[in-house]
PDB file of all heavy atoms in Angstrom:
ATOM      1  N   ALA A   1       0.835  -1.185   0.010  1.00  0.00           N
ATOM      2  CA  ALA A   1       0.013   0.011   0.011  1.00  0.00           C
ATOM      3  C   ALA A   1       0.877   1.273   0.005  1.00  0.00           C
ATOM      4  O   ALA A   1       0.613   2.231  -0.713  1.00  0.00           O
ATOM      5  CB  ALA A   1      -0.956  -0.003   1.209  1.00  0.00           C
ATOM      6  N   PHE A   2       1.938   1.258   0.782  1.00  0.00           N
ATOM      7  CA  PHE A   2       2.864   2.382   0.834  1.00  0.00           C
ATOM      8  C   PHE A   2       3.543   2.533  -0.544  1.00  0.00           C
ATOM      9  O   PHE A   2       3.645   3.657  -1.098  1.00  0.00           O
ATOM     10  CB  PHE A   2       3.879   2.220   1.919  1.00  0.00           C
ATOM     11  CG  PHE A   2       4.882   3.328   2.043  1.00  0.00           C
ATOM     12  CD1 PHE A   2       4.422   4.646   2.256  1.00  0.00           C
ATOM     13  CD2 PHE A   2       6.253   3.119   1.906  1.00  0.00           C
ATOM     14  CE1 PHE A   2       5.351   5.673   2.412  1.00  0.00           C
ATOM     15  CE2 PHE A   2       7.148   4.140   2.002  1.00  0.00           C
ATOM     16  CZ  PHE A   2       6.712   5.444   2.276  1.00  0.00           C
ATOM     17  N   ARG A   3       3.955   1.443  -1.125  1.00  0.00           N
ATOM     18  CA  ARG A   3       4.612   1.492  -2.449  1.00  0.00           C
ATOM     19  C   ARG A   3       3.631   2.012  -3.495  1.00  0.00           C
ATOM     20  O   ARG A   3       4.032   2.849  -4.315  1.00  0.00           O
ATOM     21  CB  ARG A   3       5.112   0.073  -2.878  1.00  0.00           C
ATOM     22  CG  ARG A   3       5.798   0.102  -4.231  1.00  0.00           C
ATOM     23  CD  ARG A   3       6.306  -1.264  -4.668  1.00  0.00           C
ATOM     24  NE  ARG A   3       7.558  -1.567  -3.917  1.00  0.00           N
ATOM     25  CZ  ARG A   3       7.628  -2.513  -3.006  1.00  0.00           C
ATOM     26  NH1 ARG A   3       6.579  -3.231  -2.636  1.00  0.00           N
ATOM     27  NH2 ARG A   3       8.756  -2.720  -2.383  1.00  0.00           N
ATOM     28  N   ASP A   4       2.394   1.600  -3.399  1.00  0.00           N
ATOM     29  CA  ASP A   4       1.358   2.121  -4.344  1.00  0.00           C
ATOM     30  C   ASP A   4       1.212   3.636  -4.220  1.00  0.00           C
ATOM     31  O   ASP A   4       1.054   4.322  -5.236  1.00  0.00           O
ATOM     32  CB  ASP A   4       0.028   1.446  -4.130  1.00  0.00           C
ATOM     33  CG  ASP A   4       0.033  -0.026  -4.604  1.00  0.00           C
ATOM     34  OD1 ASP A   4       0.965  -0.456  -5.306  1.00  0.00           O
ATOM     35  OD2 ASP A   4      -0.936  -0.737  -4.247  1.00  0.00           O
ATOM     36  N   ALA A   5       1.198   4.155  -2.954  1.00  0.00           N
ATOM     37  CA  ALA A   5       1.099   5.595  -2.780  1.00  0.00           C
ATOM     38  C   ALA A   5       2.323   6.310  -3.349  1.00  0.00           C
ATOM     39  O   ALA A   5       2.218   7.405  -3.952  1.00  0.00           O
ATOM     40  CB  ALA A   5       0.966   5.911  -1.305  1.00  0.00           C
ATOM     41  N   VAL A   6       3.519   5.722  -3.251  1.00  0.00           N
ATOM     42  CA  VAL A   6       4.733   6.266  -3.788  1.00  0.00           C
ATOM     43  C   VAL A   6       4.650   6.257  -5.334  1.00  0.00           C
ATOM     44  O   VAL A   6       5.023   7.252  -5.979  1.00  0.00           O
ATOM     45  CB  VAL A   6       5.984   5.500  -3.310  1.00  0.00           C
ATOM     46  CG1 VAL A   6       7.258   5.964  -4.063  1.00  0.00           C
ATOM     47  CG2 VAL A   6       6.185   5.697  -1.777  1.00  0.00           C
ATOM     48  N   ILE A   7       4.154   5.204  -5.894  1.00  0.00           N
ATOM     49  CA  ILE A   7       4.045   5.088  -7.364  1.00  0.00           C
ATOM     50  C   ILE A   7       3.081   6.160  -7.893  1.00  0.00           C
ATOM     51  O   ILE A   7       3.350   6.834  -8.851  1.00  0.00           O
ATOM     52  CB  ILE A   7       3.548   3.669  -7.755  1.00  0.00           C
ATOM     53  CG1 ILE A   7       4.650   2.663  -7.566  1.00  0.00           C
ATOM     54  CG2 ILE A   7       3.065   3.651  -9.203  1.00  0.00           C
ATOM     55  CD1 ILE A   7       4.191   1.205  -7.666  1.00  0.00           C
ATOM     56  N   THR A   8       1.974   6.383  -7.180  1.00  0.00           N
ATOM     57  CA  THR A   8       1.003   7.414  -7.595  1.00  0.00           C
ATOM     58  C   THR A   8       1.667   8.768  -7.539  1.00  0.00           C
ATOM     59  O   THR A   8       1.520   9.586  -8.474  1.00  0.00           O
ATOM     60  CB  THR A   8      -0.239   7.373  -6.661  1.00  0.00           C
ATOM     61  OG1 THR A   8      -0.862   6.140  -6.809  1.00  0.00           O
ATOM     62  CG2 THR A   8      -1.231   8.494  -6.998  1.00  0.00           C
ATOM     63  N   LEU A   9       2.405   9.055  -6.486  1.00  0.00           N
ATOM     64  CA  LEU A   9       3.122  10.324  -6.361  1.00  0.00           C
ATOM     65  C   LEU A   9       4.174  10.468  -7.477  1.00  0.00           C
ATOM     66  O   LEU A   9       4.286  11.561  -8.075  1.00  0.00           O
ATOM     67  CB  LEU A   9       3.801  10.426  -4.982  1.00  0.00           C
ATOM     68  CG  LEU A   9       4.555  11.706  -4.724  1.00  0.00           C
ATOM     69  CD1 LEU A   9       3.615  12.932  -4.736  1.00  0.00           C
ATOM     70  CD2 LEU A   9       5.275  11.600  -3.381  1.00  0.00           C
ATOM     71  N   ALA A  10       4.867   9.438  -7.830  1.00  0.00           N
ATOM     72  CA  ALA A  10       5.886   9.504  -8.885  1.00  0.00           C
ATOM     73  C   ALA A  10       5.208   9.753 -10.211  1.00  0.00           C
ATOM     74  O   ALA A  10       5.710  10.552 -11.017  1.00  0.00           O
ATOM     75  CB  ALA A  10       6.649   8.165  -8.944  1.00  0.00           C
ATOM     76  N   ARG A  11       4.039   9.153 -10.445  1.00  0.00           N
ATOM     77  CA  ARG A  11       3.310   9.365 -11.707  1.00  0.00           C
ATOM     78  C   ARG A  11       2.860  10.834 -11.825  1.00  0.00           C
ATOM     79  O   ARG A  11       2.659  11.346 -12.918  1.00  0.00           O
ATOM     80  CB  ARG A  11       2.095   8.455 -11.813  1.00  0.00           C
ATOM     81  CG  ARG A  11       2.492   7.045 -12.123  1.00  0.00           C
ATOM     82  CD  ARG A  11       1.246   6.162 -12.253  1.00  0.00           C
ATOM     83  NE  ARG A  11       1.633   4.832 -12.590  1.00  0.00           N
ATOM     84  CZ  ARG A  11       0.957   3.762 -12.231  1.00  0.00           C
ATOM     85  NH1 ARG A  11      -0.208   3.876 -11.571  1.00  0.00           N
ATOM     86  NH2 ARG A  11       1.396   2.576 -12.547  1.00  0.00           N
ATOM     87  N   GLU A  12       2.641  11.451 -10.680  1.00  0.00           N
ATOM     88  CA  GLU A  12       2.203  12.857 -10.637  1.00  0.00           C
ATOM     89  C   GLU A  12       3.399  13.813 -10.651  1.00  0.00           C
ATOM     90  O   GLU A  12       3.227  15.008 -10.332  1.00  0.00           O
ATOM     91  CB  GLU A  12       1.298  13.105  -9.446  1.00  0.00           C
ATOM     92  CG  GLU A  12       0.019  12.333  -9.496  1.00  0.00           C
ATOM     93  CD  GLU A  12      -0.802  12.387  -8.218  1.00  0.00           C
ATOM     94  OE1 GLU A  12      -0.311  12.883  -7.215  1.00  0.00           O
ATOM     95  OE2 GLU A  12      -1.943  11.848  -8.258  1.00  0.00           O
ATOM     96  N   GLY A  13       4.551  13.333 -10.924  1.00  0.00           N
ATOM     97  CA  GLY A  13       5.731  14.125 -11.024  1.00  0.00           C
ATOM     98  C   GLY A  13       6.257  14.608  -9.669  1.00  0.00           C
ATOM     99  O   GLY A  13       6.966  15.590  -9.564  1.00  0.00           O
ATOM    100  N   GLY A  14       5.861  13.902  -8.607  1.00  0.00           N
ATOM    101  CA  GLY A  14       6.270  14.272  -7.285  1.00  0.00           C
ATOM    102  C   GLY A  14       5.472  15.448  -6.676  1.00  0.00           C
ATOM    103  O   GLY A  14       5.762  15.883  -5.588  1.00  0.00           O
ATOM    104  N   GLU A  15       4.423  15.874  -7.376  1.00  0.00           N
ATOM    105  CA  GLU A  15       3.619  16.986  -6.913  1.00  0.00           C
ATOM    106  C   GLU A  15       2.782  16.558  -5.730  1.00  0.00           C
ATOM    107  O   GLU A  15       1.969  15.643  -5.798  1.00  0.00           O
ATOM    108  CB  GLU A  15       2.677  17.469  -8.034  1.00  0.00           C
ATOM    109  CG  GLU A  15       3.351  18.120  -9.143  1.00  0.00           C
ATOM    110  CD  GLU A  15       3.862  19.495  -8.856  1.00  0.00           C
ATOM    111  OE1 GLU A  15       3.256  20.192  -8.005  1.00  0.00           O
ATOM    112  OE2 GLU A  15       4.892  19.896  -9.416  1.00  0.00           O
ATOM    113  N   LEU A  16       2.996  17.224  -4.603  1.00  0.00           N
ATOM    114  CA  LEU A  16       2.245  16.918  -3.371  1.00  0.00           C
ATOM    115  C   LEU A  16       0.972  17.755  -3.318  1.00  0.00           C
ATOM    116  O   LEU A  16       0.948  18.920  -3.735  1.00  0.00           O
ATOM    117  CB  LEU A  16       3.069  17.249  -2.137  1.00  0.00           C
ATOM    118  CG  LEU A  16       4.151  16.245  -1.760  1.00  0.00           C
ATOM    119  CD1 LEU A  16       5.051  16.851  -0.711  1.00  0.00           C
ATOM    120  CD2 LEU A  16       3.501  14.970  -1.234  1.00  0.00           C
ATOM    121  N   ASN A  17      -0.071  17.132  -2.785  1.00  0.00           N
ATOM    122  CA  ASN A  17      -1.295  17.826  -2.457  1.00  0.00           C
ATOM    123  C   ASN A  17      -1.845  17.192  -1.192  1.00  0.00           C
ATOM    124  O   ASN A  17      -1.230  16.252  -0.654  1.00  0.00           O
ATOM    125  CB  ASN A  17      -2.305  17.785  -3.613  1.00  0.00           C
ATOM    126  CG  ASN A  17      -2.650  16.372  -4.027  1.00  0.00           C
ATOM    127  OD1 ASN A  17      -3.078  15.564  -3.179  1.00  0.00           O
ATOM    128  ND2 ASN A  17      -2.556  16.090  -5.281  1.00  0.00           N
ATOM    129  N   VAL A  18      -2.925  17.691  -0.695  1.00  0.00           N
ATOM    130  CA  VAL A  18      -3.434  17.233   0.576  1.00  0.00           C
ATOM    131  C   VAL A  18      -3.815  15.743   0.516  1.00  0.00           C
ATOM    132  O   VAL A  18      -3.534  14.975   1.447  1.00  0.00           O
ATOM    133  CB  VAL A  18      -4.690  18.071   0.995  1.00  0.00           C
ATOM    134  CG1 VAL A  18      -5.284  17.491   2.310  1.00  0.00           C
ATOM    135  CG2 VAL A  18      -4.268  19.492   1.246  1.00  0.00           C
ATOM    136  N   LEU A  19      -4.348  15.312  -0.609  1.00  0.00           N
ATOM    137  CA  LEU A  19      -4.725  13.905  -0.755  1.00  0.00           C
ATOM    138  C   LEU A  19      -3.485  12.974  -0.822  1.00  0.00           C
ATOM    139  O   LEU A  19      -3.451  11.959  -0.170  1.00  0.00           O
ATOM    140  CB  LEU A  19      -5.615  13.700  -1.969  1.00  0.00           C
ATOM    141  CG  LEU A  19      -6.957  14.372  -1.900  1.00  0.00           C
ATOM    142  CD1 LEU A  19      -7.720  14.202  -3.223  1.00  0.00           C
ATOM    143  CD2 LEU A  19      -7.811  13.805  -0.737  1.00  0.00           C
ATOM    144  N   SER A  20      -2.511  13.363  -1.646  1.00  0.00           N
ATOM    145  CA  SER A  20      -1.362  12.483  -1.802  1.00  0.00           C
ATOM    146  C   SER A  20      -0.504  12.425  -0.529  1.00  0.00           C
ATOM    147  O   SER A  20      -0.059  11.357  -0.118  1.00  0.00           O
ATOM    148  CB  SER A  20      -0.472  12.927  -3.004  1.00  0.00           C
ATOM    149  OG  SER A  20       0.033  14.216  -2.811  1.00  0.00           O
ATOM    150  N   SER A  21      -0.370  13.563   0.153  1.00  0.00           N
ATOM    151  CA  SER A  21       0.399  13.554   1.413  1.00  0.00           C
ATOM    152  C   SER A  21      -0.368  12.738   2.464  1.00  0.00           C
ATOM    153  O   SER A  21       0.254  12.006   3.244  1.00  0.00           O
ATOM    154  CB  SER A  21       0.720  14.946   1.889  1.00  0.00           C
ATOM    155  OG  SER A  21      -0.442  15.635   2.295  1.00  0.00           O
ATOM    156  N   GLY A  22      -1.673  12.893   2.493  1.00  0.00           N
ATOM    157  CA  GLY A  22      -2.497  12.111   3.479  1.00  0.00           C
ATOM    158  C   GLY A  22      -2.372  10.640   3.271  1.00  0.00           C
ATOM    159  O   GLY A  22      -2.238   9.834   4.211  1.00  0.00           O
ATOM    160  N   GLU A  23      -2.372  10.222   1.998  1.00  0.00           N
ATOM    161  CA  GLU A  23      -2.281   8.808   1.676  1.00  0.00           C
ATOM    162  C   GLU A  23      -0.871   8.279   2.057  1.00  0.00           C
ATOM    163  O   GLU A  23      -0.740   7.165   2.580  1.00  0.00           O
ATOM    164  CB  GLU A  23      -2.564   8.552   0.176  1.00  0.00           C
ATOM    165  CG  GLU A  23      -2.620   7.118  -0.246  1.00  0.00           C
ATOM    166  CD  GLU A  23      -3.757   6.344   0.374  1.00  0.00           C
ATOM    167  OE1 GLU A  23      -4.734   6.933   0.883  1.00  0.00           O
ATOM    168  OE2 GLU A  23      -3.701   5.078   0.330  1.00  0.00           O
ATOM    169  N   LEU A  24       0.146   9.057   1.758  1.00  0.00           N
ATOM    170  CA  LEU A  24       1.479   8.643   2.155  1.00  0.00           C
ATOM    171  C   LEU A  24       1.667   8.526   3.636  1.00  0.00           C
ATOM    172  O   LEU A  24       2.248   7.589   4.131  1.00  0.00           O
ATOM    173  CB  LEU A  24       2.530   9.625   1.560  1.00  0.00           C
ATOM    174  CG  LEU A  24       2.822   9.460   0.073  1.00  0.00           C
ATOM    175  CD1 LEU A  24       3.487  10.650  -0.463  1.00  0.00           C
ATOM    176  CD2 LEU A  24       3.679   8.223  -0.155  1.00  0.00           C
ATOM    177  N   LEU A  25       1.137   9.495   4.378  1.00  0.00           N
ATOM    178  CA  LEU A  25       1.212   9.453   5.849  1.00  0.00           C
ATOM    179  C   LEU A  25       0.502   8.219   6.389  1.00  0.00           C
ATOM    180  O   LEU A  25       0.994   7.525   7.278  1.00  0.00           O
ATOM    181  CB  LEU A  25       0.647  10.705   6.471  1.00  0.00           C
ATOM    182  CG  LEU A  25       1.512  11.970   6.233  1.00  0.00           C
ATOM    183  CD1 LEU A  25       0.726  13.192   6.718  1.00  0.00           C
ATOM    184  CD2 LEU A  25       2.858  11.877   6.944  1.00  0.00           C
ATOM    185  N   LYS A  26      -0.703   7.972   5.890  1.00  0.00           N
ATOM    186  CA  LYS A  26      -1.511   6.805   6.356  1.00  0.00           C
ATOM    187  C   LYS A  26      -0.834   5.524   6.051  1.00  0.00           C
ATOM    188  O   LYS A  26      -0.654   4.690   6.961  1.00  0.00           O
ATOM    189  CB  LYS A  26      -2.865   6.853   5.698  1.00  0.00           C
ATOM    190  CG  LYS A  26      -3.781   5.682   6.087  1.00  0.00           C
ATOM    191  CD  LYS A  26      -5.171   5.819   5.418  1.00  0.00           C
ATOM    192  CE  LYS A  26      -5.029   5.603   3.931  1.00  0.00           C
ATOM    193  NZ  LYS A  26      -6.343   5.607   3.269  1.00  0.00           N
ATOM    194  N   THR A  27      -0.385   5.300   4.834  1.00  0.00           N
ATOM    195  CA  THR A  27       0.229   4.041   4.475  1.00  0.00           C
ATOM    196  C   THR A  27       1.616   3.859   5.108  1.00  0.00           C
ATOM    197  O   THR A  27       2.012   2.771   5.428  1.00  0.00           O
ATOM    198  CB  THR A  27       0.281   3.851   2.914  1.00  0.00           C
ATOM    199  OG1 THR A  27       1.036   4.928   2.374  1.00  0.00           O
ATOM    200  CG2 THR A  27      -1.102   3.766   2.337  1.00  0.00           C
ATOM    201  N   PHE A  28       2.316   4.951   5.282  1.00  0.00           N
ATOM    202  CA  PHE A  28       3.624   4.930   5.983  1.00  0.00           C
ATOM    203  C   PHE A  28       3.426   4.431   7.434  1.00  0.00           C
ATOM    204  O   PHE A  28       4.172   3.612   7.920  1.00  0.00           O
ATOM    205  CB  PHE A  28       4.312   6.320   5.955  1.00  0.00           C
ATOM    206  CG  PHE A  28       5.573   6.327   6.714  1.00  0.00           C
ATOM    207  CD1 PHE A  28       6.749   5.716   6.187  1.00  0.00           C
ATOM    208  CD2 PHE A  28       5.693   6.991   7.948  1.00  0.00           C
ATOM    209  CE1 PHE A  28       7.948   5.733   6.883  1.00  0.00           C
ATOM    210  CE2 PHE A  28       6.899   7.026   8.614  1.00  0.00           C
ATOM    211  CZ  PHE A  28       8.030   6.422   8.092  1.00  0.00           C
ATOM    212  N   ALA A  29       2.369   4.949   8.090  1.00  0.00           N
ATOM    213  CA  ALA A  29       2.112   4.530   9.453  1.00  0.00           C
ATOM    214  C   ALA A  29       1.770   3.054   9.534  1.00  0.00           C
ATOM    215  O   ALA A  29       2.274   2.352  10.394  1.00  0.00           O
ATOM    216  CB  ALA A  29       0.950   5.366  10.039  1.00  0.00           C
TER     217      ALA A  29
END
């Protein structure tokens, strides 16, 4: 799940937003 969140972020060019950062924080935990 964490890897999937990282893949999504990479596909978005590393652009952070509230949804992507929230997903990374949740799956990282």
